[in-house]
N, C-alpha and C. Protein backbone atom coordinates (compact mmCIF):
# COMPACT_ATOMS: atom_id res chain seq x y z
N MET A 1 -0.06 20.34 3.26
CA MET A 1 1.30 19.69 2.52
C MET A 1 1.62 18.30 3.35
N ASP A 2 1.34 17.82 4.31
CA ASP A 2 1.85 16.99 5.08
C ASP A 2 1.31 15.74 4.53
N LEU A 3 0.06 16.05 3.99
CA LEU A 3 -0.78 14.82 3.37
C LEU A 3 -0.15 14.41 1.71
N MET A 4 -0.07 15.53 1.02
CA MET A 4 0.61 15.31 -0.28
C MET A 4 1.48 14.08 -0.53
N GLY A 5 1.31 13.61 -1.55
CA GLY A 5 2.08 12.49 -1.85
C GLY A 5 3.31 13.18 -2.93
N ARG A 6 4.32 12.71 -3.30
CA ARG A 6 5.58 13.15 -4.59
C ARG A 6 4.84 14.01 -5.67
N THR A 7 4.09 12.99 -5.70
CA THR A 7 3.67 13.50 -7.18
C THR A 7 2.73 15.25 -7.08
N GLU A 8 2.09 15.10 -6.53
CA GLU A 8 1.39 16.56 -5.74
C GLU A 8 2.29 17.25 -5.43
N LEU A 9 3.39 17.24 -4.45
CA LEU A 9 4.26 17.79 -4.00
C LEU A 9 5.18 18.34 -5.10
N ALA A 10 5.79 17.50 -6.09
CA ALA A 10 6.30 18.07 -7.09
C ALA A 10 5.97 19.20 -7.95
N ALA A 11 4.38 18.58 -8.60
CA ALA A 11 3.93 18.71 -9.31
C ALA A 11 3.80 20.85 -8.65
N LYS A 12 3.17 20.68 -7.41
CA LYS A 12 3.13 22.25 -6.80
C LYS A 12 4.32 23.13 -6.93
N LEU A 13 5.50 22.12 -6.71
CA LEU A 13 6.75 22.98 -6.74
C LEU A 13 7.45 23.63 -8.45
N PHE A 14 7.15 22.29 -9.13
CA PHE A 14 6.90 22.54 -10.93
C PHE A 14 6.34 24.22 -11.25
N ARG A 15 4.82 24.02 -10.57
CA ARG A 15 4.08 25.18 -10.77
C ARG A 15 4.84 26.59 -10.55
N ILE A 16 5.61 26.36 -9.04
CA ILE A 16 5.86 27.62 -8.65
C ILE A 16 7.34 27.80 -8.95
N THR A 17 7.88 27.64 -9.62
CA THR A 17 9.12 27.59 -9.97
C THR A 17 9.35 27.98 -11.94
N GLN A 18 7.97 27.41 -12.32
CA GLN A 18 7.97 27.83 -14.01
C GLN A 18 7.15 29.23 -13.89
N THR A 19 6.03 29.54 -12.80
CA THR A 19 5.32 30.83 -12.75
C THR A 19 6.53 31.80 -12.18
N GLU A 20 7.51 31.35 -11.67
CA GLU A 20 8.47 32.76 -11.41
C GLU A 20 9.32 32.81 -13.11
N GLU A 21 9.81 31.80 -13.31
CA GLU A 21 10.29 31.69 -14.32
C GLU A 21 9.54 32.57 -15.52
N ARG A 22 8.65 32.47 -16.08
CA ARG A 22 7.74 33.16 -16.81
C ARG A 22 7.59 34.42 -16.59
N ILE A 23 7.26 34.95 -15.06
CA ILE A 23 7.27 36.08 -14.60
C ILE A 23 8.38 36.86 -15.05
N LYS A 24 9.35 36.01 -14.77
CA LYS A 24 11.16 36.57 -15.31
C LYS A 24 11.14 36.99 -16.74
N SER A 25 10.63 35.77 -17.53
CA SER A 25 11.44 35.92 -18.64
C SER A 25 10.35 36.86 -19.65
N LYS A 26 8.59 36.97 -19.27
CA LYS A 26 7.89 38.11 -20.49
C LYS A 26 8.29 39.00 -19.48
N ASN A 27 8.47 39.34 -18.40
CA ASN A 27 8.71 40.73 -17.57
C ASN A 27 7.07 41.34 -17.27
N VAL A 28 6.45 40.12 -16.56
CA VAL A 28 5.02 40.41 -16.35
C VAL A 28 5.40 41.52 -15.01
N ARG A 29 4.41 42.44 -15.34
CA ARG A 29 4.03 43.12 -14.64
C ARG A 29 2.24 43.19 -14.00
N GLY A 30 2.40 44.59 -12.67
CA GLY A 30 1.03 44.34 -11.85
C GLY A 30 0.42 43.17 -11.64
N GLN A 31 -0.26 43.21 -10.48
CA GLN A 31 -1.11 42.29 -9.34
C GLN A 31 -2.23 40.98 -10.43
N SER A 32 -2.43 41.79 -11.90
CA SER A 32 -3.56 41.24 -12.66
C SER A 32 -2.65 40.46 -13.26
N ALA A 33 -1.82 41.14 -13.79
CA ALA A 33 -1.25 40.45 -14.75
C ALA A 33 -0.26 38.84 -14.02
N LEU A 34 0.16 39.38 -12.85
CA LEU A 34 0.93 38.30 -12.21
C LEU A 34 0.21 36.98 -12.02
N GLU A 35 -1.08 37.69 -11.36
CA GLU A 35 -2.65 36.56 -10.79
C GLU A 35 -2.66 35.70 -12.08
N SER A 36 -2.76 36.11 -13.49
CA SER A 36 -3.51 35.71 -14.34
C SER A 36 -2.25 34.60 -14.61
N THR A 37 -0.87 34.86 -14.92
CA THR A 37 0.27 34.09 -15.48
C THR A 37 -0.15 33.14 -14.04
N HIS A 38 0.04 33.10 -12.65
CA HIS A 38 0.10 32.26 -11.60
C HIS A 38 -1.46 30.74 -12.14
N ARG A 39 -2.22 31.53 -12.46
CA ARG A 39 -3.66 30.50 -12.64
C ARG A 39 -3.51 29.81 -14.23
N GLN A 40 -2.32 30.73 -15.13
CA GLN A 40 -2.02 30.11 -16.23
C GLN A 40 -0.98 28.51 -16.61
N VAL A 41 -0.22 29.00 -15.63
CA VAL A 41 0.90 28.10 -15.55
C VAL A 41 0.15 26.80 -14.55
N GLY A 42 -0.56 27.51 -13.50
CA GLY A 42 -1.55 26.14 -12.73
C GLY A 42 -1.83 25.34 -13.40
N GLN A 43 -3.02 26.06 -14.63
CA GLN A 43 -3.43 24.76 -15.29
C GLN A 43 -2.72 24.41 -16.59
N GLU A 44 -1.51 24.63 -16.85
CA GLU A 44 -0.74 24.02 -17.74
C GLU A 44 -0.30 22.85 -17.45
N VAL A 45 0.20 22.90 -15.41
CA VAL A 45 0.93 21.88 -14.88
C VAL A 45 -0.28 21.08 -14.08
N HIS A 46 -1.63 21.22 -14.65
CA HIS A 46 -2.61 20.65 -14.10
C HIS A 46 -2.86 19.67 -14.53
N LYS A 47 -2.99 20.30 -16.09
CA LYS A 47 -3.44 19.32 -17.67
C LYS A 47 -1.86 18.14 -17.65
N VAL A 48 -1.09 18.67 -17.83
CA VAL A 48 0.04 17.90 -17.82
C VAL A 48 -0.02 16.51 -16.50
N VAL A 49 -0.46 16.78 -15.33
CA VAL A 49 -0.38 15.88 -14.17
C VAL A 49 -1.74 14.91 -14.73
N GLN A 50 -2.33 15.82 -15.05
CA GLN A 50 -3.86 14.60 -15.65
C GLN A 50 -3.35 13.85 -16.42
N GLU A 51 -2.78 14.08 -17.62
CA GLU A 51 -2.36 13.26 -18.70
C GLU A 51 -1.61 12.70 -18.47
N ASN A 52 -0.55 12.45 -18.05
CA ASN A 52 0.60 11.39 -17.25
C ASN A 52 -0.07 11.04 -16.42
N VAL A 53 -0.62 10.97 -15.14
CA VAL A 53 -1.00 9.87 -14.24
C VAL A 53 -2.51 9.76 -14.18
N GLY A 54 -3.39 10.26 -15.17
CA GLY A 54 -4.95 9.41 -15.36
C GLY A 54 -5.52 10.57 -14.88
N LYS A 55 -5.15 11.06 -13.20
CA LYS A 55 -5.62 11.84 -12.20
C LYS A 55 -5.36 13.25 -12.13
N SER A 56 -6.46 14.26 -11.49
CA SER A 56 -6.15 15.58 -11.62
C SER A 56 -5.23 15.36 -10.33
N PRO A 57 -4.05 15.96 -9.41
CA PRO A 57 -3.45 16.50 -8.79
C PRO A 57 -4.59 16.42 -7.19
N GLU A 58 -5.46 17.18 -7.39
CA GLU A 58 -6.27 16.94 -6.12
C GLU A 58 -7.18 15.57 -5.71
N ASN A 59 -6.78 14.63 -6.62
CA ASN A 59 -7.59 13.43 -6.68
C ASN A 59 -6.64 12.41 -5.98
N LEU A 60 -5.66 12.62 -6.42
CA LEU A 60 -3.83 11.79 -6.19
C LEU A 60 -4.76 11.11 -4.86
N SER A 61 -4.45 9.87 -4.43
CA SER A 61 -3.83 9.16 -3.18
C SER A 61 -3.73 10.25 -1.96
N GLN A 62 -3.83 10.47 -0.55
CA GLN A 62 -2.83 11.18 0.52
C GLN A 62 -2.09 10.22 1.40
N GLU A 63 -1.01 11.04 1.62
CA GLU A 63 -0.17 9.94 2.02
C GLU A 63 -0.78 9.88 3.71
N ASN A 64 0.03 8.99 4.58
CA ASN A 64 -0.11 8.90 5.64
C ASN A 64 0.35 10.12 6.82
N GLU A 65 -0.76 10.30 7.69
CA GLU A 65 -0.08 11.54 8.66
C GLU A 65 1.43 11.36 9.02
N LEU A 66 2.01 12.59 9.31
CA LEU A 66 3.15 12.25 9.85
C LEU A 66 3.36 11.20 10.99
N PRO A 67 2.72 11.70 12.08
CA PRO A 67 2.82 10.61 13.20
C PRO A 67 2.77 9.71 12.98
N PHE A 68 1.28 9.17 12.27
CA PHE A 68 1.04 7.47 11.86
C PHE A 68 2.40 7.01 10.95
N ILE A 69 3.01 7.73 10.18
CA ILE A 69 4.79 7.43 9.82
C ILE A 69 5.56 7.50 11.14
N LYS A 70 5.38 8.01 11.78
CA LYS A 70 6.30 8.04 12.51
C LYS A 70 6.31 6.34 13.59
N ARG A 71 5.17 6.45 13.87
CA ARG A 71 4.90 5.10 14.65
C ARG A 71 4.80 3.89 13.97
N GLU A 72 4.92 4.13 12.15
CA GLU A 72 5.13 2.56 11.80
C GLU A 72 6.22 2.57 11.53
N LEU A 73 7.51 3.35 11.95
CA LEU A 73 8.99 3.28 11.81
C LEU A 73 8.89 2.74 13.47
N LYS A 74 8.50 3.19 13.68
CA LYS A 74 8.93 2.65 15.86
C LYS A 74 8.86 1.39 15.76
N ASP A 75 7.42 1.05 15.47
CA ASP A 75 7.13 -0.39 15.88
C ASP A 75 8.11 -1.34 14.71
N GLY A 76 7.84 -0.50 13.18
CA GLY A 76 9.16 -1.59 12.08
C GLY A 76 10.26 -1.85 12.98
N TYR A 77 11.11 -1.07 13.64
CA TYR A 77 12.42 -0.62 14.34
C TYR A 77 12.19 -1.62 15.35
N LYS A 78 11.29 -1.85 16.19
CA LYS A 78 11.12 -3.06 17.51
C LYS A 78 10.89 -4.25 16.42
N LYS A 79 10.35 -4.31 15.90
CA LYS A 79 10.35 -5.69 15.33
C LYS A 79 11.68 -6.29 14.64
N MET A 80 12.37 -5.18 14.04
CA MET A 80 13.62 -5.69 13.64
C MET A 80 14.62 -6.12 14.79
N THR A 81 14.54 -5.42 15.69
CA THR A 81 16.02 -5.23 16.72
C THR A 81 15.33 -6.93 17.22
N LYS A 82 13.58 -7.22 17.64
CA LYS A 82 13.34 -7.99 18.11
C LYS A 82 13.84 -9.69 17.10
N GLU A 83 13.68 -9.43 15.41
CA GLU A 83 14.37 -10.47 15.24
C GLU A 83 15.79 -10.83 14.92
N ASP A 84 16.20 -9.42 15.12
CA ASP A 84 18.15 -9.70 15.12
C ASP A 84 18.22 -10.44 16.34
N SER A 85 17.54 -9.99 17.79
CA SER A 85 17.93 -10.43 18.40
C SER A 85 17.55 -11.99 18.91
N GLN A 86 16.66 -12.24 18.31
CA GLN A 86 16.18 -13.45 17.90
C GLN A 86 17.15 -14.48 17.17
N LYS A 87 18.03 -14.08 16.38
CA LYS A 87 18.66 -14.47 15.35
C LYS A 87 20.04 -14.75 16.43
N LYS A 88 20.62 -13.95 16.75
CA LYS A 88 21.91 -13.61 18.16
C LYS A 88 21.79 -14.86 18.74
N ILE A 89 20.63 -15.37 19.18
CA ILE A 89 20.15 -16.57 20.40
C ILE A 89 20.22 -17.90 19.90
N LYS A 90 19.91 -18.15 18.66
CA LYS A 90 20.13 -19.59 17.43
C LYS A 90 21.64 -19.72 17.38
């Protein structure tokens, strides 16, 4: 999940919450019925993402890994503080 973009993460959370709601509202019981409901809701969410984005969730671009993002933020902070200090000198 560390590499998922916002759309894919949101789709996963939406699938989970909608599966829970369907299980409650339709009083789904039994392992096979629960698994079937999970698959059905997952297919529906998958279809919505594909229709709206033009790609299936598993084909969406991945985000950068967290250590890389931390490094980018640290480098950006250093650059900004350097620019700020140069402005104070002038």
